[in-house]
Amino acid sequence: MKFILTVLLFLMAFWETNAQSKDFILLKRGSNQKTQIRFYPGEEITYKSKKLGYFITDKIINLDTEFIYLEENILSPADILEIDVRHKDPRNRTLSNLTALFLGAGGILLTVEAVNSLYQQDELRIDDGVAITSGILIGTGLALLPLRYKTFKNEGRNGIQIILMRMD
C-alpha cells in the first residue's frame, strides 16, 4: 500500500511540474498560427534595435511583462526593429527541402540518362527531352534558393509580444 501511495505521489509531482508552461516571446504575423514564431528563455536571438543599426546575437535569460532580459542587454519589444528568423521559421525548412528535392531530381535524372546511354550505346549521349526536363528541375531548385524568410520586421500588423505562462 505504501508503495502504491509513493508511486501516485511521484506521478502527481511529475504531472505538476510538466503542467507549468514556459514564458516565451511571440512573433506574430496576423492571426494565422502557422506564421507565429516563439523564442523561449535559454535560446539565442539575433535582433536589430532602434539604438543600434546592426544585428546583435544574444541569449534570452528571462522575460518580464515589459522587458526582455538578455545576457548583455535589456530590451523592450518596442525597441526591436527586426529579428533574424532564418533558422527558427519552420517554413524555411519546407523551402529548403523543396530546393533539395528539385536539385536532386534534376541531378539524378541527368546521371541516370548518362549511365543508361553509356550502357546501351557505349557513348555519352543525353536525350533532348531529358536534358530539358533536368534543366527545368535544376533551374527551379536554383530559383528556390534565395526564397527564405530572413527577418521578422516589427511594423504594421506584425507584432512582438511577451507571453508569461506562470502558475503562481
Protein backbone atom coordinates (compact mmCIF):
# COMPACT_ATOMS: atom_id res chain seq x y z
CA MET A 1 0.00 0.00 0.00
CA LYS A 2 2.84 2.38 0.84
CA PHE A 3 4.45 1.59 -2.50
CA ILE A 4 1.29 2.49 -4.42
CA LEU A 5 0.90 5.75 -2.50
CA THR A 6 4.56 6.62 -3.12
CA VAL A 7 4.18 5.94 -6.87
CA LEU A 8 0.98 8.02 -7.03
CA LEU A 9 2.65 10.88 -5.16
CA PHE A 10 5.63 10.74 -7.54
CA LEU A 11 3.37 10.73 -10.62
CA MET A 12 1.33 13.66 -9.29
CA ALA A 13 4.53 15.64 -8.66
CA PHE A 14 5.75 14.76 -12.17
CA TRP A 15 2.47 15.90 -13.77
CA GLU A 16 2.51 19.11 -11.71
CA THR A 17 5.98 20.05 -12.93
CA ASN A 18 5.03 19.31 -16.55
CA ALA A 19 1.80 21.30 -16.24
CA GLN A 20 3.71 24.53 -15.69
CA SER A 21 4.16 26.26 -19.00
CA LYS A 22 7.09 28.37 -20.07
CA ASP A 23 7.27 32.05 -20.79
CA PHE A 24 8.09 32.97 -24.38
CA ILE A 25 8.42 35.78 -26.90
CA LEU A 26 5.80 35.53 -29.64
CA LEU A 27 6.49 36.93 -33.11
CA LYS A 28 3.07 37.25 -34.66
CA ARG A 29 2.13 37.98 -38.27
CA GLY A 30 -1.62 38.48 -38.26
CA SER A 31 -3.91 35.88 -36.72
CA ASN A 32 -2.58 32.81 -38.56
CA GLN A 33 -0.98 30.43 -36.08
CA LYS A 34 1.35 28.95 -38.73
CA THR A 35 3.18 32.25 -39.03
CA GLN A 36 3.84 32.59 -35.31
CA ILE A 37 7.39 32.05 -34.06
CA ARG A 38 8.32 31.54 -30.42
CA PHE A 39 11.57 32.25 -28.60
CA TYR A 40 12.00 30.72 -25.14
CA PRO A 41 14.42 31.69 -22.35
CA GLY A 42 17.76 30.00 -22.94
CA GLU A 43 17.59 30.37 -26.72
CA GLU A 44 19.73 32.72 -28.77
CA ILE A 45 18.04 35.59 -30.57
CA THR A 46 19.51 37.81 -33.30
CA TYR A 47 17.90 41.24 -33.38
CA LYS A 48 18.35 44.81 -34.61
CA SER A 49 17.36 47.53 -32.14
CA LYS A 50 16.44 51.15 -32.70
CA LYS A 51 19.56 52.30 -30.86
CA LEU A 52 21.98 50.22 -32.96
CA GLY A 53 21.77 49.87 -36.72
CA TYR A 54 23.13 46.33 -36.94
CA PHE A 55 22.18 42.83 -35.83
CA ILE A 56 23.26 41.50 -32.44
CA THR A 57 23.09 37.89 -31.25
CA ASP A 58 22.36 37.41 -27.56
CA LYS A 59 20.89 34.77 -25.28
CA ILE A 60 17.49 35.26 -23.63
CA ILE A 61 17.84 34.97 -19.87
CA ASN A 62 14.42 35.98 -18.53
CA LEU A 63 11.17 37.65 -19.55
CA ASP A 64 9.10 40.23 -17.72
CA THR A 65 5.83 41.93 -18.59
CA GLU A 66 7.64 44.85 -20.24
CA PHE A 67 11.22 43.76 -20.85
CA ILE A 68 13.34 41.00 -22.36
CA TYR A 69 16.41 40.29 -20.24
CA LEU A 70 19.36 39.17 -22.33
CA GLU A 71 22.90 38.27 -21.26
CA GLU A 72 24.29 41.66 -22.27
CA ASN A 73 21.22 43.85 -22.70
CA ILE A 74 17.70 44.63 -21.50
CA LEU A 75 15.19 45.33 -24.27
CA SER A 76 11.63 46.40 -24.64
CA PRO A 77 9.73 44.76 -27.55
CA ALA A 78 9.05 48.26 -28.91
CA ASP A 79 12.83 48.86 -29.23
CA ILE A 80 13.30 45.92 -31.62
CA LEU A 81 13.20 46.74 -35.34
CA GLU A 82 13.92 43.29 -36.81
CA ILE A 83 14.59 39.74 -35.65
CA ASP A 84 16.55 37.21 -37.74
CA VAL A 85 14.37 34.10 -38.19
CA ARG A 86 16.39 32.13 -40.77
CA HIS A 87 16.93 29.12 -38.52
CA LYS A 88 13.75 29.47 -36.47
CA ASP A 89 10.96 29.73 -39.07
CA PRO A 90 9.57 26.26 -39.93
CA ARG A 91 8.61 27.45 -43.41
CA ASN A 92 12.33 27.79 -44.22
CA ARG A 93 12.79 24.04 -43.66
CA THR A 94 10.00 23.36 -46.15
CA LEU A 95 11.60 25.64 -48.74
CA SER A 96 14.98 24.04 -48.09
CA ASN A 97 13.52 20.56 -48.59
CA LEU A 98 11.81 21.61 -51.82
CA THR A 99 15.06 23.11 -53.10
CA ALA A 100 16.95 19.91 -52.34
CA LEU A 101 14.19 17.85 -53.96
CA PHE A 102 14.30 19.76 -57.24
CA LEU A 103 18.10 19.93 -57.41
CA GLY A 104 18.43 16.24 -56.51
CA ALA A 105 15.78 15.14 -59.02
CA GLY A 106 17.45 17.09 -61.84
CA GLY A 107 20.88 15.71 -60.97
CA ILE A 108 19.65 12.13 -60.65
CA LEU A 109 17.77 12.37 -63.96
CA LEU A 110 20.94 13.53 -65.75
CA THR A 111 23.05 10.84 -64.08
CA VAL A 112 20.61 8.04 -64.90
CA GLU A 113 20.37 9.16 -68.53
CA ALA A 114 24.17 9.34 -68.82
CA VAL A 115 24.67 5.88 -67.29
CA ASN A 116 21.86 4.44 -69.42
CA SER A 117 23.33 5.87 -72.64
CA LEU A 118 26.81 4.55 -71.76
CA TYR A 119 25.41 1.09 -71.05
CA GLN A 120 23.20 0.84 -74.15
CA GLN A 121 25.18 2.80 -76.78
CA ASP A 122 28.75 2.79 -75.42
CA GLU A 123 28.88 6.59 -75.74
CA LEU A 124 27.77 9.51 -73.59
CA ARG A 125 24.64 10.94 -75.14
CA ILE A 126 21.80 12.72 -73.33
CA ASP A 127 18.38 12.92 -74.95
CA ASP A 128 17.00 16.41 -75.63
CA GLY A 129 13.79 15.81 -73.62
CA VAL A 130 15.73 14.54 -70.62
CA ALA A 131 18.13 17.50 -70.83
CA ILE A 132 15.23 19.98 -70.93
CA THR A 133 13.42 18.27 -68.04
CA SER A 134 16.51 18.08 -65.85
CA GLY A 135 17.36 21.68 -66.74
CA ILE A 136 13.89 22.78 -65.62
CA LEU A 137 14.24 20.83 -62.37
CA ILE A 138 17.69 22.23 -61.61
CA GLY A 139 16.57 25.76 -62.59
CA THR A 140 13.56 25.52 -60.29
CA GLY A 141 15.81 24.37 -57.44
CA LEU A 142 18.22 27.25 -58.05
CA ALA A 143 15.31 29.72 -58.22
CA LEU A 144 14.08 28.50 -54.82
CA LEU A 145 17.49 29.01 -53.17
CA PRO A 146 17.08 32.74 -52.36
CA LEU A 147 13.47 32.36 -51.26
CA ARG A 148 13.76 32.26 -47.47
CA TYR A 149 12.14 34.15 -44.63
CA LYS A 150 15.14 36.07 -43.35
CA THR A 151 13.86 38.67 -40.90
CA PHE A 152 10.73 39.47 -38.94
CA LYS A 153 10.08 43.22 -39.07
CA ASN A 154 8.28 44.75 -36.09
CA GLU A 155 5.98 47.02 -38.07
CA GLY A 156 2.44 47.12 -39.40
CA ARG A 157 0.34 44.14 -38.38
CA ASN A 158 3.44 42.26 -37.24
CA GLY A 159 3.97 42.32 -33.52
CA ILE A 160 6.31 41.13 -30.80
CA GLN A 161 4.56 40.04 -27.63
CA ILE A 162 5.89 38.71 -24.34
CA ILE A 163 3.71 35.85 -23.10
CA LEU A 164 4.05 34.92 -19.44
CA MET A 165 2.60 31.48 -18.68
CA ARG A 166 3.31 31.27 -14.96
CA MET A 167 1.20 29.42 -12.49
CA ASP A 168 1.66 31.38 -9.27
